[in-house]
Amino acid sequence: MNDQQLLRYSRQIMLPQVDMTGQQKLLDAKILIVGAGGLGSPAAMYLAAAGIGQITIYDDDQVDLTNLQRQIAHNTPDIGLDKVISTLNTLKKINPEVNVLAHKARLQGQLLDREVAAADVVLDCSDNFGTRFAINRACVEQHTPLVSGAAIRFEGQISVFTPGLNDSPCYNCLYQSDGEELQNCARNGVIAPITGIVGSIQALEAMKIIMNIGESLTGRLLLLDSLNMEWQTLRLKKNPACPTCGTD
């Protein structure tokens, strides 16, 4: 690290759990973020600020006026711009040293497998079950840690899946079907800060995994009811009959 980096990341480096070694791990890390919306925005911004070396972002959408209430990587002049480009511009303003790879595309098929294999951690910030199940499958096959988040109405949830480690379940162990595709923000609404809370926790969990510090949310589902400001933690177990990661 050079003198500017030592100064930029000094408040992290002074933490004994991080120190110079942990910060260097962040600088060397490659993170894949799927989705540049309500969750991907705060997650990407905090990861860039923290000094993640490479952030790869996939999203096939453009910035819309309705996004601006919660998708904080985008600004009013960005309306009509590709979300990944708007996010790239924001991250470069936060930390020009971060290598941001922005792709306007739906990540699927062999491309998904290649990107997951190249990443140290994957953040699922998507908004539909089909994508979530595809990301989970790729992470299980490539043994890549997955940080999953979701937010709707006043509710949020976060979990971490580490295939091949700590007898971790996978996303398919938690959800046994494709679920209800109509359960999204466009049809149900969402309070703005809940996406920031969930996305920020996703960023934190990814950093902990990279630095190998603390205890991750592997095997746990963290639930937030923001109307009553109540947190709950559910314990998750690996499903031997899971069609994605099961052994039966």
Protein backbone atom coordinates (compact mmCIF):
# COMPACT_ATOMS: atom_id res chain seq x y z
CA MET A 1 0.00 0.00 0.00
CA ASN A 2 1.13 3.51 -0.78
CA ASP A 3 0.81 6.52 1.53
CA GLN A 4 -2.50 7.64 0.00
CA GLN A 5 -4.03 4.20 0.53
CA LEU A 6 -2.76 4.08 4.11
CA LEU A 7 -4.50 7.40 4.73
CA ARG A 8 -7.70 6.54 2.85
CA TYR A 9 -8.22 3.26 4.70
CA SER A 10 -6.67 4.34 8.02
CA ARG A 11 -9.91 4.03 10.02
CA GLN A 12 -10.23 0.41 8.93
CA ILE A 13 -6.56 -0.44 9.30
CA MET A 14 -6.58 0.71 12.94
CA LEU A 15 -9.08 -2.04 13.74
CA PRO A 16 -7.10 -5.00 15.12
CA GLN A 17 -9.33 -7.45 13.24
CA VAL A 18 -8.44 -5.72 9.96
CA ASP A 19 -4.94 -4.24 10.26
CA MET A 20 -2.68 -4.05 7.20
CA THR A 21 -3.18 -7.72 6.39
CA GLY A 22 -6.96 -7.47 6.18
CA GLN A 23 -6.87 -4.28 4.14
CA GLN A 24 -4.52 -5.89 1.66
CA LYS A 25 -6.94 -8.79 1.31
CA LEU A 26 -9.68 -6.31 0.44
CA LEU A 27 -7.45 -4.60 -2.11
CA ASP A 28 -6.72 -7.98 -3.72
CA ALA A 29 -10.35 -9.15 -3.71
CA LYS A 30 -12.76 -9.60 -6.62
CA ILE A 31 -16.46 -9.26 -5.90
CA LEU A 32 -19.34 -9.96 -8.27
CA ILE A 33 -22.58 -8.00 -7.72
CA VAL A 34 -25.70 -9.10 -9.58
CA GLY A 35 -28.12 -6.20 -9.68
CA ALA A 36 -27.47 -2.44 -9.53
CA GLY A 37 -30.71 -1.45 -7.83
CA GLY A 38 -31.85 -0.90 -4.28
CA LEU A 39 -29.50 -3.49 -2.75
CA GLY A 40 -26.67 -3.33 -5.26
CA SER A 41 -26.34 0.44 -4.92
CA PRO A 42 -25.40 0.66 -1.22
CA ALA A 43 -23.50 -2.62 -1.32
CA ALA A 44 -21.32 -1.48 -4.22
CA MET A 45 -20.77 1.98 -2.75
CA TYR A 46 -19.59 0.67 0.61
CA LEU A 47 -17.40 -1.99 -0.98
CA ALA A 48 -15.77 0.60 -3.22
CA ALA A 49 -15.23 2.94 -0.28
CA ALA A 50 -13.71 0.10 1.74
CA GLY A 51 -11.14 -0.62 -0.96
CA ILE A 52 -12.28 -3.77 -2.76
CA GLY A 53 -9.83 -4.18 -5.62
CA GLN A 54 -12.28 -5.26 -8.33
CA ILE A 55 -16.06 -4.95 -8.43
CA THR A 56 -17.92 -6.55 -11.32
CA ILE A 57 -21.55 -5.45 -11.76
CA TYR A 58 -24.24 -6.96 -13.96
CA ASP A 59 -27.64 -5.38 -14.63
CA ASP A 60 -29.64 -5.11 -17.86
CA ASP A 61 -31.89 -2.21 -16.81
CA GLN A 62 -31.82 1.56 -17.22
CA VAL A 63 -32.34 4.22 -14.55
CA ASP A 64 -35.99 5.22 -14.15
CA LEU A 65 -37.49 8.05 -12.10
CA THR A 66 -39.15 5.51 -9.79
CA ASN A 67 -35.72 4.04 -8.94
CA LEU A 68 -34.36 7.22 -7.36
CA GLN A 69 -36.33 6.85 -4.12
CA ARG A 70 -34.05 4.03 -3.00
CA GLN A 71 -31.36 3.21 -5.58
CA ILE A 72 -28.81 5.66 -4.23
CA ALA A 73 -26.05 5.02 -6.76
CA HIS A 74 -28.19 6.85 -9.34
CA ASN A 75 -29.04 10.55 -9.57
CA THR A 76 -31.73 12.53 -11.41
CA PRO A 77 -29.45 13.34 -14.38
CA ASP A 78 -28.85 9.58 -14.78
CA ILE A 79 -32.46 8.86 -15.83
CA GLY A 80 -32.32 6.83 -19.05
CA LEU A 81 -28.69 5.82 -18.48
CA ASP A 82 -27.73 2.17 -18.07
CA LYS A 83 -27.71 1.37 -14.35
CA VAL A 84 -24.31 -0.27 -14.54
CA ILE A 85 -22.80 2.88 -16.10
CA SER A 86 -24.47 5.13 -13.54
CA THR A 87 -23.14 2.88 -10.78
CA LEU A 88 -19.66 2.84 -12.29
CA ASN A 89 -19.63 6.66 -12.39
CA THR A 90 -20.69 6.83 -8.74
CA LEU A 91 -18.11 4.31 -7.56
CA LYS A 92 -15.32 6.08 -9.41
CA LYS A 93 -16.23 9.31 -7.63
CA ILE A 94 -16.09 7.51 -4.29
CA ASN A 95 -12.83 5.68 -4.97
CA PRO A 96 -11.08 6.05 -8.34
CA GLU A 97 -8.63 3.28 -7.46
CA VAL A 98 -11.27 0.55 -7.61
CA ASN A 99 -11.41 -1.45 -10.84
CA VAL A 100 -15.11 -1.44 -11.76
CA LEU A 101 -16.27 -3.76 -14.54
CA ALA A 102 -19.78 -2.77 -15.62
CA HIS A 103 -21.83 -5.06 -17.86
CA LYS A 104 -25.31 -4.27 -19.18
CA ALA A 105 -26.56 -7.84 -19.47
CA ARG A 106 -28.61 -10.45 -17.69
CA LEU A 107 -26.05 -12.79 -16.15
CA GLN A 108 -26.95 -16.37 -17.04
CA GLY A 109 -25.70 -19.62 -18.56
CA GLN A 110 -21.99 -20.19 -19.11
CA LEU A 111 -21.24 -16.50 -18.56
CA LEU A 112 -22.72 -16.77 -15.08
CA ASP A 113 -20.57 -19.80 -14.33
CA ARG A 114 -17.40 -18.04 -15.52
CA GLU A 115 -18.06 -14.87 -13.53
CA VAL A 116 -18.91 -16.78 -10.35
CA ALA A 117 -15.76 -18.89 -10.71
CA ALA A 118 -13.65 -15.72 -11.08
CA ALA A 119 -15.10 -14.02 -7.99
CA ASP A 120 -14.03 -14.36 -4.36
CA VAL A 121 -17.56 -13.53 -3.18
CA VAL A 122 -20.88 -13.09 -4.99
CA LEU A 123 -23.57 -10.66 -3.86
CA ASP A 124 -27.09 -11.52 -5.00
CA CYS A 125 -28.82 -8.14 -5.23
CA SER A 126 -31.34 -9.26 -7.84
CA ASP A 127 -35.10 -8.97 -7.60
CA ASN A 128 -36.49 -12.23 -9.00
CA PHE A 129 -36.44 -15.85 -7.95
CA GLY A 130 -35.29 -17.23 -11.30
CA THR A 131 -32.06 -15.25 -11.12
CA ARG A 132 -31.58 -16.07 -7.46
CA PHE A 133 -31.81 -19.81 -8.09
CA ALA A 134 -29.43 -19.59 -11.05
CA ILE A 135 -26.85 -17.64 -9.01
CA ASN A 136 -27.17 -20.13 -6.16
CA ARG A 137 -26.61 -23.10 -8.48
CA ALA A 138 -23.49 -21.51 -9.96
CA CYS A 139 -22.11 -20.69 -6.51
CA VAL A 140 -22.69 -24.25 -5.31
CA GLU A 141 -20.97 -25.70 -8.38
CA GLN A 142 -18.02 -23.31 -8.14
CA HIS A 143 -17.81 -23.35 -4.31
CA THR A 144 -18.01 -19.55 -4.24
CA PRO A 145 -19.44 -17.81 -1.13
CA LEU A 146 -22.82 -16.18 -1.76
CA VAL A 147 -24.25 -13.24 0.19
CA SER A 148 -27.99 -13.09 -0.43
CA GLY A 149 -30.24 -10.14 0.42
CA ALA A 150 -33.86 -9.19 -0.16
CA ALA A 151 -36.06 -6.23 0.75
CA ILE A 152 -39.75 -5.55 0.23
CA ARG A 153 -42.31 -3.31 1.94
CA PHE A 154 -40.81 -2.75 5.43
CA GLU A 155 -39.05 -6.12 5.58
CA GLY A 156 -35.51 -7.25 4.91
CA GLN A 157 -33.57 -10.49 5.05
CA ILE A 158 -29.93 -11.47 4.65
CA SER A 159 -28.07 -14.78 4.68
CA VAL A 160 -24.69 -16.16 3.66
CA PHE A 161 -24.12 -19.46 1.90
CA THR A 162 -20.62 -20.96 1.80
CA PRO A 163 -20.77 -24.13 -0.34
CA GLY A 164 -18.43 -26.85 0.87
CA LEU A 165 -17.69 -25.11 4.19
CA ASN A 166 -19.21 -25.44 7.66
CA ASP A 167 -21.92 -27.80 6.37
CA SER A 168 -23.54 -24.73 4.82
CA PRO A 169 -27.04 -24.92 3.36
CA CYS A 170 -27.70 -23.20 0.05
CA TYR A 171 -30.44 -20.84 -1.09
CA ASN A 172 -32.39 -23.80 -2.48
CA CYS A 173 -32.38 -25.39 0.98
CA LEU A 174 -34.23 -22.31 2.22
CA TYR A 175 -36.63 -21.89 -0.70
CA GLN A 176 -37.90 -25.07 -2.29
CA SER A 177 -39.59 -23.58 -5.34
CA ASP A 178 -39.34 -20.57 -7.61
CA GLY A 179 -41.79 -18.76 -5.34
CA GLU A 180 -44.11 -15.96 -6.37
CA GLU A 181 -42.57 -13.76 -9.04
CA LEU A 182 -45.04 -10.96 -8.25
CA GLN A 183 -43.33 -10.43 -4.88
CA ASN A 184 -41.25 -7.46 -5.96
CA CYS A 185 -40.93 -3.77 -5.18
CA ALA A 186 -42.76 -2.66 -8.32
CA ARG A 187 -45.96 -4.41 -7.23
CA ASN A 188 -45.66 -4.33 -3.46
CA GLY A 189 -43.67 -1.18 -2.68
CA VAL A 190 -40.66 -0.72 -0.44
CA ILE A 191 -39.58 1.86 2.11
CA ALA A 192 -36.33 3.47 0.98
CA PRO A 193 -33.96 2.87 3.94
CA ILE A 194 -34.67 -0.86 4.18
CA THR A 195 -32.75 -1.45 0.94
CA GLY A 196 -29.83 0.54 2.33
CA ILE A 197 -29.78 -1.49 5.53
CA VAL A 198 -29.84 -4.83 3.72
CA GLY A 199 -27.32 -3.80 1.06
CA SER A 200 -24.94 -2.45 3.70
CA ILE A 201 -25.09 -5.70 5.65
CA GLN A 202 -24.37 -7.62 2.45
CA ALA A 203 -21.25 -5.49 1.95
CA LEU A 204 -20.16 -6.08 5.54
CA GLU A 205 -20.64 -9.84 5.29
CA ALA A 206 -18.64 -9.94 2.06
CA MET A 207 -15.77 -8.04 3.69
CA LYS A 208 -15.79 -10.40 6.69
CA ILE A 209 -15.58 -13.39 4.36
CA ILE A 210 -12.68 -11.90 2.41
CA MET A 211 -10.73 -11.03 5.58
CA ASN A 212 -11.80 -14.25 7.36
CA ILE A 213 -12.86 -12.38 10.49
CA GLY A 214 -15.79 -12.69 12.86
CA GLU A 215 -18.70 -15.04 12.34
CA SER A 216 -20.63 -14.85 9.08
CA LEU A 217 -24.35 -15.44 8.62
CA THR A 218 -23.67 -18.93 7.25
CA GLY A 219 -26.43 -21.18 8.56
CA ARG A 220 -28.48 -18.22 9.74
CA LEU A 221 -31.22 -16.07 8.19
CA LEU A 222 -31.35 -12.52 9.56
CA LEU A 223 -34.83 -10.96 9.37
CA LEU A 224 -35.74 -7.31 9.94
CA ASP A 225 -39.24 -6.00 10.60
CA SER A 226 -38.52 -2.28 10.31
CA LEU A 227 -42.04 -1.14 11.22
CA ASN A 228 -41.50 -2.51 14.72
CA MET A 229 -37.68 -2.38 14.48
CA GLU A 230 -37.33 -6.01 15.47
CA TRP A 231 -34.56 -8.36 14.36
CA GLN A 232 -34.94 -12.13 14.29
CA THR A 233 -32.40 -14.83 13.54
CA LEU A 234 -33.48 -18.20 12.17
CA ARG A 235 -31.12 -21.17 12.13
CA LEU A 236 -30.82 -22.90 8.77
CA LYS A 237 -29.75 -26.49 8.16
CA LYS A 238 -28.49 -28.13 5.02
CA ASN A 239 -31.22 -30.17 3.33
CA PRO A 240 -29.85 -33.60 2.33
CA ALA A 241 -32.57 -33.81 -0.32
CA CYS A 242 -31.90 -30.35 -1.76
CA PRO A 243 -31.93 -30.58 -5.58
CA THR A 244 -28.98 -28.18 -5.79
CA CYS A 245 -26.59 -29.14 -2.97
CA GLY A 246 -28.10 -32.27 -1.42
CA THR A 247 -26.35 -35.62 -1.13
CA ASP A 248 -29.41 -37.91 -1.12
